[in-house]
PDB file of all heavy atoms in Angstrom:
ATOM      1  N   ASP A   1       0.861  -1.212  -0.017  1.00  0.00           N
ATOM      2  CA  ASP A   1       0.002  -0.018  -0.009  1.00  0.00           C
ATOM      3  C   ASP A   1       0.875   1.246   0.006  1.00  0.00           C
ATOM      4  O   ASP A   1       0.569   2.206  -0.703  1.00  0.00           O
ATOM      5  CB  ASP A   1      -0.881   0.044   1.254  1.00  0.00           C
ATOM      6  CG  ASP A   1      -1.940  -1.083   1.231  1.00  0.00           C
ATOM      7  OD1 ASP A   1      -2.239  -1.699   0.229  1.00  0.00           O
ATOM      8  OD2 ASP A   1      -2.529  -1.281   2.353  1.00  0.00           O
ATOM      9  N   ALA A   2       1.910   1.246   0.812  1.00  0.00           N
ATOM     10  CA  ALA A   2       2.793   2.367   0.945  1.00  0.00           C
ATOM     11  C   ALA A   2       3.485   2.724  -0.355  1.00  0.00           C
ATOM     12  O   ALA A   2       3.487   3.907  -0.792  1.00  0.00           O
ATOM     13  CB  ALA A   2       3.806   2.092   2.082  1.00  0.00           C
ATOM     14  N   ARG A   3       4.033   1.730  -0.983  1.00  0.00           N
ATOM     15  CA  ARG A   3       4.786   1.946  -2.207  1.00  0.00           C
ATOM     16  C   ARG A   3       3.853   2.393  -3.357  1.00  0.00           C
ATOM     17  O   ARG A   3       4.176   3.308  -4.085  1.00  0.00           O
ATOM     18  CB  ARG A   3       5.496   0.659  -2.603  1.00  0.00           C
ATOM     19  CG  ARG A   3       6.344   0.818  -3.866  1.00  0.00           C
ATOM     20  CD  ARG A   3       7.393   1.949  -3.790  1.00  0.00           C
ATOM     21  NE  ARG A   3       8.088   2.111  -5.046  1.00  0.00           N
ATOM     22  CZ  ARG A   3       9.122   1.408  -5.435  1.00  0.00           C
ATOM     23  NH1 ARG A   3       9.701   0.526  -4.633  1.00  0.00           N
ATOM     24  NH2 ARG A   3       9.688   1.678  -6.603  1.00  0.00           N
ATOM     25  N   GLN A   4       2.668   1.853  -3.396  1.00  0.00           N
ATOM     26  CA  GLN A   4       1.710   2.267  -4.434  1.00  0.00           C
ATOM     27  C   GLN A   4       1.315   3.710  -4.250  1.00  0.00           C
ATOM     28  O   GLN A   4       1.296   4.486  -5.185  1.00  0.00           O
ATOM     29  CB  GLN A   4       0.460   1.376  -4.369  1.00  0.00           C
ATOM     30  CG  GLN A   4      -0.578   1.727  -5.456  1.00  0.00           C
ATOM     31  CD  GLN A   4      -1.787   0.860  -5.381  1.00  0.00           C
ATOM     32  OE1 GLN A   4      -1.844  -0.165  -4.703  1.00  0.00           O
ATOM     33  NE2 GLN A   4      -2.828   1.229  -6.175  1.00  0.00           N
ATOM     34  N   ALA A   5       1.089   4.082  -2.981  1.00  0.00           N
ATOM     35  CA  ALA A   5       0.679   5.543  -2.712  1.00  0.00           C
ATOM     36  C   ALA A   5       1.820   6.472  -3.098  1.00  0.00           C
ATOM     37  O   ALA A   5       1.540   7.532  -3.678  1.00  0.00           O
ATOM     38  CB  ALA A   5       0.347   5.640  -1.281  1.00  0.00           C
ATOM     39  N   VAL A   6       3.028   6.152  -2.763  1.00  0.00           N
ATOM     40  CA  VAL A   6       4.171   6.988  -3.100  1.00  0.00           C
ATOM     41  C   VAL A   6       4.449   7.005  -4.568  1.00  0.00           C
ATOM     42  O   VAL A   6       4.695   8.149  -5.137  1.00  0.00           O
ATOM     43  CB  VAL A   6       5.429   6.534  -2.304  1.00  0.00           C
ATOM     44  CG1 VAL A   6       6.719   7.132  -2.927  1.00  0.00           C
ATOM     45  CG2 VAL A   6       5.330   6.894  -0.876  1.00  0.00           C
ATOM     46  N   ASP A   7       4.352   5.885  -5.275  1.00  0.00           N
ATOM     47  CA  ASP A   7       4.504   5.872  -6.709  1.00  0.00           C
ATOM     48  C   ASP A   7       3.503   6.769  -7.423  1.00  0.00           C
ATOM     49  O   ASP A   7       3.806   7.462  -8.408  1.00  0.00           O
ATOM     50  CB  ASP A   7       4.444   4.455  -7.234  1.00  0.00           C
ATOM     51  CG  ASP A   7       5.669   3.648  -6.971  1.00  0.00           C
ATOM     52  OD1 ASP A   7       6.713   4.193  -6.535  1.00  0.00           O
ATOM     53  OD2 ASP A   7       5.657   2.407  -7.146  1.00  0.00           O
ATOM     54  N   GLU A   8       2.271   6.758  -6.950  1.00  0.00           N
ATOM     55  CA  GLU A   8       1.193   7.539  -7.550  1.00  0.00           C
ATOM     56  C   GLU A   8       1.421   9.043  -7.295  1.00  0.00           C
ATOM     57  O   GLU A   8       1.247   9.854  -8.212  1.00  0.00           O
ATOM     58  CB  GLU A   8      -0.130   7.123  -7.012  1.00  0.00           C
ATOM     59  CG  GLU A   8      -0.587   5.766  -7.552  1.00  0.00           C
ATOM     60  CD  GLU A   8      -1.863   5.267  -6.843  1.00  0.00           C
ATOM     61  OE1 GLU A   8      -2.383   5.967  -5.961  1.00  0.00           O
ATOM     62  OE2 GLU A   8      -2.373   4.166  -7.259  1.00  0.00           O
ATOM     63  N   ARG A   9       1.886   9.418  -6.107  1.00  0.00           N
ATOM     64  CA  ARG A   9       2.024  10.865  -5.748  1.00  0.00           C
ATOM     65  C   ARG A   9       3.271  11.404  -6.399  1.00  0.00           C
ATOM     66  O   ARG A   9       3.282  12.565  -6.825  1.00  0.00           O
ATOM     67  CB  ARG A   9       2.047  11.093  -4.272  1.00  0.00           C
ATOM     68  CG  ARG A   9       2.218  12.533  -3.853  1.00  0.00           C
ATOM     69  CD  ARG A   9       2.058  12.718  -2.366  1.00  0.00           C
ATOM     70  NE  ARG A   9       2.246  14.065  -1.968  1.00  0.00           N
ATOM     71  CZ  ARG A   9       1.339  15.039  -1.918  1.00  0.00           C
ATOM     72  NH1 ARG A   9       0.120  14.694  -2.236  1.00  0.00           N
ATOM     73  NH2 ARG A   9       1.629  16.231  -1.521  1.00  0.00           N
ATOM     74  N   PHE A  10       4.357  10.623  -6.497  1.00  0.00           N
ATOM     75  CA  PHE A  10       5.643  11.110  -6.939  1.00  0.00           C
ATOM     76  C   PHE A  10       6.104  10.524  -8.254  1.00  0.00           C
ATOM     77  O   PHE A  10       7.273  10.306  -8.450  1.00  0.00           O
ATOM     78  CB  PHE A  10       6.671  10.860  -5.841  1.00  0.00           C
ATOM     79  CG  PHE A  10       6.359  11.524  -4.531  1.00  0.00           C
ATOM     80  CD1 PHE A  10       5.814  10.740  -3.469  1.00  0.00           C
ATOM     81  CD2 PHE A  10       6.576  12.838  -4.311  1.00  0.00           C
ATOM     82  CE1 PHE A  10       5.524  11.329  -2.245  1.00  0.00           C
ATOM     83  CE2 PHE A  10       6.330  13.419  -3.068  1.00  0.00           C
ATOM     84  CZ  PHE A  10       5.789  12.673  -2.046  1.00  0.00           C
ATOM     85  N   LYS A  11       5.172  10.278  -9.148  1.00  0.00           N
ATOM     86  CA  LYS A  11       5.558   9.709 -10.420  1.00  0.00           C
ATOM     87  C   LYS A  11       6.570  10.507 -11.155  1.00  0.00           C
ATOM     88  O   LYS A  11       6.453  11.706 -11.326  1.00  0.00           O
ATOM     89  CB  LYS A  11       4.289   9.572 -11.310  1.00  0.00           C
ATOM     90  CG  LYS A  11       4.525   8.811 -12.612  1.00  0.00           C
ATOM     91  CD  LYS A  11       3.275   8.690 -13.424  1.00  0.00           C
ATOM     92  CE  LYS A  11       3.480   7.914 -14.687  1.00  0.00           C
ATOM     93  NZ  LYS A  11       2.251   7.770 -15.537  1.00  0.00           N
ATOM     94  N   GLY A  12       7.699   9.889 -11.528  1.00  0.00           N
ATOM     95  CA  GLY A  12       8.748  10.540 -12.245  1.00  0.00           C
ATOM     96  C   GLY A  12       9.867  11.026 -11.330  1.00  0.00           C
ATOM     97  O   GLY A  12      10.907  11.376 -11.797  1.00  0.00           O
ATOM     98  N   MET A  13       9.637  11.047 -10.017  1.00  0.00           N
ATOM     99  CA  MET A  13      10.685  11.547  -9.123  1.00  0.00           C
ATOM    100  C   MET A  13      11.739  10.489  -8.955  1.00  0.00           C
ATOM    101  O   MET A  13      11.464   9.298  -8.944  1.00  0.00           O
ATOM    102  CB  MET A  13      10.066  11.866  -7.717  1.00  0.00           C
ATOM    103  CG  MET A  13      11.063  12.388  -6.678  1.00  0.00           C
ATOM    104  SD  MET A  13      10.235  12.901  -5.147  1.00  0.00           S
ATOM    105  CE  MET A  13       9.639  14.529  -5.589  1.00  0.00           C
ATOM    106  N   HIS A  14      13.028  10.918  -8.872  1.00  0.00           N
ATOM    107  CA  HIS A  14      14.114   9.974  -8.788  1.00  0.00           C
ATOM    108  C   HIS A  14      13.990   9.154  -7.515  1.00  0.00           C
ATOM    109  O   HIS A  14      13.543   9.631  -6.462  1.00  0.00           O
ATOM    110  CB  HIS A  14      15.468  10.796  -8.767  1.00  0.00           C
ATOM    111  CG  HIS A  14      16.634   9.882  -9.105  1.00  0.00           C
ATOM    112  ND1 HIS A  14      17.272   9.069  -8.155  1.00  0.00           N
ATOM    113  CD2 HIS A  14      17.270   9.688 -10.259  1.00  0.00           C
ATOM    114  CE1 HIS A  14      18.214   8.359  -8.698  1.00  0.00           C
ATOM    115  NE2 HIS A  14      18.313   8.709  -9.990  1.00  0.00           N
ATOM    116  N   ILE A  15      14.531   7.952  -7.536  1.00  0.00           N
ATOM    117  CA  ILE A  15      14.307   7.000  -6.376  1.00  0.00           C
ATOM    118  C   ILE A  15      15.127   7.408  -5.132  1.00  0.00           C
ATOM    119  O   ILE A  15      14.921   6.849  -4.083  1.00  0.00           O
ATOM    120  CB  ILE A  15      14.582   5.548  -6.755  1.00  0.00           C
ATOM    121  CG1 ILE A  15      16.067   5.333  -7.060  1.00  0.00           C
ATOM    122  CG2 ILE A  15      13.724   5.159  -7.922  1.00  0.00           C
ATOM    123  CD1 ILE A  15      16.467   3.874  -7.173  1.00  0.00           C
ATOM    124  N   VAL A  16      16.077   8.344  -5.304  1.00  0.00           N
ATOM    125  CA  VAL A  16      16.792   8.818  -4.109  1.00  0.00           C
ATOM    126  C   VAL A  16      16.519  10.256  -3.791  1.00  0.00           C
ATOM    127  O   VAL A  16      17.338  10.930  -3.177  1.00  0.00           O
ATOM    128  CB  VAL A  16      18.340   8.494  -4.200  1.00  0.00           C
ATOM    129  CG1 VAL A  16      18.617   7.060  -4.288  1.00  0.00           C
ATOM    130  CG2 VAL A  16      18.961   9.204  -5.359  1.00  0.00           C
ATOM    131  N   HIS A  17      15.363  10.728  -4.150  1.00  0.00           N
ATOM    132  CA  HIS A  17      14.961  12.076  -3.767  1.00  0.00           C
ATOM    133  C   HIS A  17      14.580  12.137  -2.317  1.00  0.00           C
ATOM    134  O   HIS A  17      14.221  11.099  -1.719  1.00  0.00           O
ATOM    135  CB  HIS A  17      13.787  12.534  -4.668  1.00  0.00           C
ATOM    136  CG  HIS A  17      13.516  13.998  -4.665  1.00  0.00           C
ATOM    137  ND1 HIS A  17      12.945  14.680  -3.626  1.00  0.00           N
ATOM    138  CD2 HIS A  17      13.778  14.955  -5.643  1.00  0.00           C
ATOM    139  CE1 HIS A  17      12.827  15.985  -3.935  1.00  0.00           C
ATOM    140  NE2 HIS A  17      13.363  16.154  -5.146  1.00  0.00           N
ATOM    141  N   THR A  18      14.635  13.288  -1.701  1.00  0.00           N
ATOM    142  CA  THR A  18      14.292  13.479  -0.292  1.00  0.00           C
ATOM    143  C   THR A  18      12.791  13.129  -0.063  1.00  0.00           C
ATOM    144  O   THR A  18      12.441  12.364   0.826  1.00  0.00           O
ATOM    145  CB  THR A  18      14.624  14.873   0.156  1.00  0.00           C
ATOM    146  OG1 THR A  18      16.023  15.077   0.240  1.00  0.00           O
ATOM    147  CG2 THR A  18      14.062  15.132   1.572  1.00  0.00           C
ATOM    148  N   ASN A  19      11.878  13.731  -0.877  1.00  0.00           N
ATOM    149  CA  ASN A  19      10.505  13.762  -0.484  1.00  0.00           C
ATOM    150  C   ASN A  19       9.798  12.437  -0.598  1.00  0.00           C
ATOM    151  O   ASN A  19       9.063  12.059   0.306  1.00  0.00           O
ATOM    152  CB  ASN A  19       9.809  14.843  -1.348  1.00  0.00           C
ATOM    153  CG  ASN A  19      10.293  16.238  -1.074  1.00  0.00           C
ATOM    154  OD1 ASN A  19      11.411  16.493  -0.796  1.00  0.00           O
ATOM    155  ND2 ASN A  19       9.334  17.204  -1.079  1.00  0.00           N
ATOM    156  N   ASN A  20       9.989  11.699  -1.674  1.00  0.00           N
ATOM    157  CA  ASN A  20       9.363  10.386  -1.781  1.00  0.00           C
ATOM    158  C   ASN A  20       9.837   9.427  -0.742  1.00  0.00           C
ATOM    159  O   ASN A  20       9.064   8.679  -0.106  1.00  0.00           O
ATOM    160  CB  ASN A  20       9.479   9.794  -3.187  1.00  0.00           C
ATOM    161  CG  ASN A  20      10.908   9.779  -3.707  1.00  0.00           C
ATOM    162  OD1 ASN A  20      11.839  10.227  -3.048  1.00  0.00           O
ATOM    163  ND2 ASN A  20      11.114   9.270  -4.932  1.00  0.00           N
ATOM    164  N   ASN A  21      11.126   9.416  -0.470  1.00  0.00           N
ATOM    165  CA  ASN A  21      11.688   8.535   0.545  1.00  0.00           C
ATOM    166  C   ASN A  21      11.241   8.940   1.944  1.00  0.00           C
ATOM    167  O   ASN A  21      11.063   8.076   2.822  1.00  0.00           O
ATOM    168  CB  ASN A  21      13.195   8.497   0.455  1.00  0.00           C
ATOM    169  CG  ASN A  21      13.674   7.612  -0.674  1.00  0.00           C
ATOM    170  OD1 ASN A  21      13.655   6.405  -0.600  1.00  0.00           O
ATOM    171  ND2 ASN A  21      14.120   8.247  -1.749  1.00  0.00           N
ATOM    172  N   ALA A  22      11.105  10.241   2.188  1.00  0.00           N
ATOM    173  CA  ALA A  22      10.590  10.720   3.493  1.00  0.00           C
ATOM    174  C   ALA A  22       9.238  10.080   3.815  1.00  0.00           C
ATOM    175  O   ALA A  22       8.936   9.676   4.921  1.00  0.00           O
ATOM    176  CB  ALA A  22      10.579  12.209   3.527  1.00  0.00           C
ATOM    177  N   CYS A  23       8.356  10.079   2.786  1.00  0.00           N
ATOM    178  CA  CYS A  23       7.025   9.547   2.949  1.00  0.00           C
ATOM    179  C   CYS A  23       7.037   8.060   3.237  1.00  0.00           C
ATOM    180  O   CYS A  23       6.273   7.567   4.058  1.00  0.00           O
ATOM    181  CB  CYS A  23       6.161   9.912   1.723  1.00  0.00           C
ATOM    182  SG  CYS A  23       5.788  11.718   1.578  1.00  0.00           S
ATOM    183  N   LEU A  24       7.920   7.347   2.573  1.00  0.00           N
ATOM    184  CA  LEU A  24       8.012   5.895   2.901  1.00  0.00           C
ATOM    185  C   LEU A  24       8.512   5.693   4.293  1.00  0.00           C
ATOM    186  O   LEU A  24       8.028   4.786   5.028  1.00  0.00           O
ATOM    187  CB  LEU A  24       9.022   5.192   1.878  1.00  0.00           C
ATOM    188  CG  LEU A  24       8.533   5.072   0.425  1.00  0.00           C
ATOM    189  CD1 LEU A  24       9.570   4.312  -0.399  1.00  0.00           C
ATOM    190  CD2 LEU A  24       7.189   4.332   0.356  1.00  0.00           C
ATOM    191  N   THR A  25       9.458   6.523   4.767  1.00  0.00           N
ATOM    192  CA  THR A  25       9.912   6.383   6.114  1.00  0.00           C
ATOM    193  C   THR A  25       8.770   6.629   7.086  1.00  0.00           C
ATOM    194  O   THR A  25       8.608   5.882   8.083  1.00  0.00           O
ATOM    195  CB  THR A  25      11.039   7.460   6.387  1.00  0.00           C
ATOM    196  OG1 THR A  25      12.075   7.271   5.477  1.00  0.00           O
ATOM    197  CG2 THR A  25      11.575   7.331   7.799  1.00  0.00           C
ATOM    198  N   ILE A  26       7.935   7.614   6.838  1.00  0.00           N
ATOM    199  CA  ILE A  26       6.793   7.893   7.674  1.00  0.00           C
ATOM    200  C   ILE A  26       5.809   6.720   7.642  1.00  0.00           C
ATOM    201  O   ILE A  26       5.293   6.283   8.682  1.00  0.00           O
ATOM    202  CB  ILE A  26       6.141   9.187   7.246  1.00  0.00           C
ATOM    203  CG1 ILE A  26       7.023  10.373   7.576  1.00  0.00           C
ATOM    204  CG2 ILE A  26       4.758   9.364   7.890  1.00  0.00           C
ATOM    205  CD1 ILE A  26       6.681  11.658   6.933  1.00  0.00           C
ATOM    206  N   PHE A  27       5.536   6.184   6.490  1.00  0.00           N
ATOM    207  CA  PHE A  27       4.640   5.057   6.358  1.00  0.00           C
ATOM    208  C   PHE A  27       5.150   3.843   7.149  1.00  0.00           C
ATOM    209  O   PHE A  27       4.405   3.143   7.839  1.00  0.00           O
ATOM    210  CB  PHE A  27       4.399   4.640   4.929  1.00  0.00           C
ATOM    211  CG  PHE A  27       3.608   5.628   4.134  1.00  0.00           C
ATOM    212  CD1 PHE A  27       3.723   5.724   2.772  1.00  0.00           C
ATOM    213  CD2 PHE A  27       2.653   6.436   4.748  1.00  0.00           C
ATOM    214  CE1 PHE A  27       2.988   6.681   2.029  1.00  0.00           C
ATOM    215  CE2 PHE A  27       1.867   7.368   4.050  1.00  0.00           C
ATOM    216  CZ  PHE A  27       2.032   7.432   2.661  1.00  0.00           C
ATOM    217  N   GLY A  28       6.474   3.624   7.086  1.00  0.00           N
ATOM    218  CA  GLY A  28       7.044   2.500   7.854  1.00  0.00           C
ATOM    219  C   GLY A  28       6.843   2.650   9.319  1.00  0.00           C
ATOM    220  O   GLY A  28       6.554   1.698  10.042  1.00  0.00           O
ATOM    221  N   LEU A  29       6.967   3.907   9.810  1.00  0.00           N
ATOM    222  CA  LEU A  29       6.806   4.172  11.187  1.00  0.00           C
ATOM    223  C   LEU A  29       5.330   4.052  11.655  1.00  0.00           C
ATOM    224  O   LEU A  29       5.010   3.619  12.691  1.00  0.00           O
ATOM    225  CB  LEU A  29       7.308   5.598  11.586  1.00  0.00           C
ATOM    226  CG  LEU A  29       8.881   5.746  11.539  1.00  0.00           C
ATOM    227  CD1 LEU A  29       9.258   7.170  11.415  1.00  0.00           C
ATOM    228  CD2 LEU A  29       9.483   5.094  12.758  1.00  0.00           C
ATOM    229  N   MET A  30       4.453   4.487  10.769  1.00  0.00           N
ATOM    230  CA  MET A  30       3.034   4.415  11.078  1.00  0.00           C
ATOM    231  C   MET A  30       2.506   2.985  11.057  1.00  0.00           C
ATOM    232  O   MET A  30       1.657   2.635  11.886  1.00  0.00           O
ATOM    233  CB  MET A  30       2.205   5.303  10.083  1.00  0.00           C
ATOM    234  CG  MET A  30       2.512   6.780  10.265  1.00  0.00           C
ATOM    235  SD  MET A  30       1.510   7.834   9.125  1.00  0.00           S
ATOM    236  CE  MET A  30      -0.063   7.773   9.961  1.00  0.00           C
ATOM    237  N   ILE A  31       3.021   2.170  10.156  1.00  0.00           N
ATOM    238  CA  ILE A  31       2.610   0.773  10.108  1.00  0.00           C
ATOM    239  C   ILE A  31       3.179   0.013  11.335  1.00  0.00           C
ATOM    240  O   ILE A  31       2.485  -0.728  11.997  1.00  0.00           O
ATOM    241  CB  ILE A  31       3.146   0.082   8.848  1.00  0.00           C
ATOM    242  CG1 ILE A  31       2.433   0.658   7.612  1.00  0.00           C
ATOM    243  CG2 ILE A  31       2.943  -1.401   8.901  1.00  0.00           C
ATOM    244  CD1 ILE A  31       3.120   0.245   6.270  1.00  0.00           C
ATOM    245  N   GLY A  32       4.470   0.244  11.687  1.00  0.00           N
ATOM    246  CA  GLY A  32       5.091  -0.521  12.736  1.00  0.00           C
ATOM    247  C   GLY A  32       4.907   0.051  14.119  1.00  0.00           C
ATOM    248  O   GLY A  32       5.077  -0.694  15.078  1.00  0.00           O
ATOM    249  N   GLY A  33       4.670   1.367  14.251  1.00  0.00           N
ATOM    250  CA  GLY A  33       4.474   1.945  15.592  1.00  0.00           C
ATOM    251  C   GLY A  33       5.723   1.898  16.440  1.00  0.00           C
ATOM    252  O   GLY A  33       6.793   2.332  15.977  1.00  0.00           O
ATOM    253  N   THR A  34       5.702   1.265  17.550  1.00  0.00           N
ATOM    254  CA  THR A  34       6.886   1.099  18.407  1.00  0.00           C
ATOM    255  C   THR A  34       7.495  -0.335  18.327  1.00  0.00           C
ATOM    256  O   THR A  34       8.385  -0.652  19.111  1.00  0.00           O
ATOM    257  CB  THR A  34       6.515   1.403  19.904  1.00  0.00           C
ATOM    258  OG1 THR A  34       5.499   0.554  20.324  1.00  0.00           O
ATOM    259  CG2 THR A  34       6.070   2.866  19.996  1.00  0.00           C
ATOM    260  N   ASP A  35       7.087  -1.073  17.349  1.00  0.00           N
ATOM    261  CA  ASP A  35       7.625  -2.430  17.122  1.00  0.00           C
ATOM    262  C   ASP A  35       8.804  -2.294  16.179  1.00  0.00           C
ATOM    263  O   ASP A  35       8.634  -2.100  14.999  1.00  0.00           O
ATOM    264  CB  ASP A  35       6.513  -3.322  16.498  1.00  0.00           C
ATOM    265  CG  ASP A  35       6.974  -4.747  16.291  1.00  0.00           C
ATOM    266  OD1 ASP A  35       8.175  -4.985  16.088  1.00  0.00           O
ATOM    267  OD2 ASP A  35       6.106  -5.645  16.259  1.00  0.00           O
ATOM    268  N   VAL A  36       9.998  -2.357  16.731  1.00  0.00           N
ATOM    269  CA  VAL A  36      11.232  -2.119  15.925  1.00  0.00           C
ATOM    270  C   VAL A  36      11.295  -3.087  14.733  1.00  0.00           C
ATOM    271  O   VAL A  36      11.581  -2.590  13.646  1.00  0.00           O
ATOM    272  CB  VAL A  36      12.423  -2.328  16.877  1.00  0.00           C
ATOM    273  CG1 VAL A  36      13.720  -2.287  16.011  1.00  0.00           C
ATOM    274  CG2 VAL A  36      12.518  -1.208  17.913  1.00  0.00           C
ATOM    275  N   THR A  37      11.039  -4.317  14.933  1.00  0.00           N
ATOM    276  CA  THR A  37      11.138  -5.266  13.846  1.00  0.00           C
ATOM    277  C   THR A  37      10.151  -4.983  12.724  1.00  0.00           C
ATOM    278  O   THR A  37      10.515  -4.982  11.523  1.00  0.00           O
ATOM    279  CB  THR A  37      10.935  -6.755  14.313  1.00  0.00           C
ATOM    280  OG1 THR A  37      11.994  -7.087  15.210  1.00  0.00           O
ATOM    281  CG2 THR A  37      10.867  -7.722  13.172  1.00  0.00           C
ATOM    282  N   LYS A  38       8.958  -4.633  13.099  1.00  0.00           N
ATOM    283  CA  LYS A  38       7.900  -4.379  12.075  1.00  0.00           C
ATOM    284  C   LYS A  38       8.256  -3.081  11.258  1.00  0.00           C
ATOM    285  O   LYS A  38       8.106  -2.993  10.061  1.00  0.00           O
ATOM    286  CB  LYS A  38       6.540  -4.244  12.702  1.00  0.00           C
ATOM    287  CG  LYS A  38       5.424  -4.268  11.606  1.00  0.00           C
ATOM    288  CD  LYS A  38       4.048  -4.475  12.186  1.00  0.00           C
ATOM    289  CE  LYS A  38       2.988  -4.609  11.157  1.00  0.00           C
ATOM    290  NZ  LYS A  38       3.163  -5.772  10.273  1.00  0.00           N
ATOM    291  N   VAL A  39       8.779  -2.081  11.980  1.00  0.00           N
ATOM    292  CA  VAL A  39       9.156  -0.815  11.304  1.00  0.00           C
ATOM    293  C   VAL A  39      10.299  -1.128  10.302  1.00  0.00           C
ATOM    294  O   VAL A  39      10.203  -0.676   9.146  1.00  0.00           O
ATOM    295  CB  VAL A  39       9.640   0.177  12.350  1.00  0.00           C
ATOM    296  CG1 VAL A  39      10.342   1.380  11.629  1.00  0.00           C
ATOM    297  CG2 VAL A  39       8.493   0.751  13.154  1.00  0.00           C
ATOM    298  N   LEU A  40      11.356  -1.822  10.732  1.00  0.00           N
ATOM    299  CA  LEU A  40      12.440  -2.138   9.833  1.00  0.00           C
ATOM    300  C   LEU A  40      11.959  -3.031   8.653  1.00  0.00           C
ATOM    301  O   LEU A  40      12.349  -2.788   7.489  1.00  0.00           O
ATOM    302  CB  LEU A  40      13.608  -2.833  10.543  1.00  0.00           C
ATOM    303  CG  LEU A  40      14.219  -2.087  11.721  1.00  0.00           C
ATOM    304  CD1 LEU A  40      15.356  -2.890  12.302  1.00  0.00           C
ATOM    305  CD2 LEU A  40      14.642  -0.703  11.318  1.00  0.00           C
ATOM    306  N   SER A  41      11.232  -4.070   8.961  1.00  0.00           N
ATOM    307  CA  SER A  41      10.720  -4.979   7.959  1.00  0.00           C
ATOM    308  C   SER A  41       9.926  -4.326   6.883  1.00  0.00           C
ATOM    309  O   SER A  41      10.196  -4.496   5.637  1.00  0.00           O
ATOM    310  CB  SER A  41       9.975  -6.107   8.677  1.00  0.00           C
ATOM    311  OG  SER A  41       9.275  -6.985   7.740  1.00  0.00           O
ATOM    312  N   GLU A  42       8.901  -3.591   7.268  1.00  0.00           N
ATOM    313  CA  GLU A  42       8.014  -2.962   6.299  1.00  0.00           C
ATOM    314  C   GLU A  42       8.700  -1.877   5.521  1.00  0.00           C
ATOM    315  O   GLU A  42       8.517  -1.706   4.317  1.00  0.00           O
ATOM    316  CB  GLU A  42       6.844  -2.403   7.015  1.00  0.00           C
ATOM    317  CG  GLU A  42       5.877  -3.435   7.640  1.00  0.00           C
ATOM    318  CD  GLU A  42       5.019  -4.158   6.640  1.00  0.00           C
ATOM    319  OE1 GLU A  42       4.803  -3.580   5.513  1.00  0.00           O
ATOM    320  OE2 GLU A  42       4.573  -5.316   6.926  1.00  0.00           O
ATOM    321  N   THR A  43       9.583  -1.126   6.160  1.00  0.00           N
ATOM    322  CA  THR A  43      10.228   0.005   5.488  1.00  0.00           C
ATOM    323  C   THR A  43      11.180  -0.514   4.407  1.00  0.00           C
ATOM    324  O   THR A  43      11.246  -0.010   3.278  1.00  0.00           O
ATOM    325  CB  THR A  43      11.009   0.896   6.499  1.00  0.00           C
ATOM    326  OG1 THR A  43      10.110   1.323   7.498  1.00  0.00           O
ATOM    327  CG2 THR A  43      11.593   2.112   5.757  1.00  0.00           C
ATOM    328  N   VAL A  44      12.000  -1.518   4.743  1.00  0.00           N
ATOM    329  CA  VAL A  44      12.869  -2.112   3.680  1.00  0.00           C
ATOM    330  C   VAL A  44      12.074  -2.669   2.566  1.00  0.00           C
ATOM    331  O   VAL A  44      12.452  -2.509   1.338  1.00  0.00           O
ATOM    332  CB  VAL A  44      13.822  -3.182   4.321  1.00  0.00           C
ATOM    333  CG1 VAL A  44      14.450  -4.036   3.266  1.00  0.00           C
ATOM    334  CG2 VAL A  44      14.866  -2.563   5.206  1.00  0.00           C
TER     335      VAL A  44
END
């Protein structure tokens, strides 16, 4: 879900841009909460 949302919003943006990657980082934290393993797993 996270990757699809970011791909749709940032179509054409380079894969190492600040903004698209920032949103994936946020999604990883929101999915995983305070569960370290889930945050790392989903974000990668």
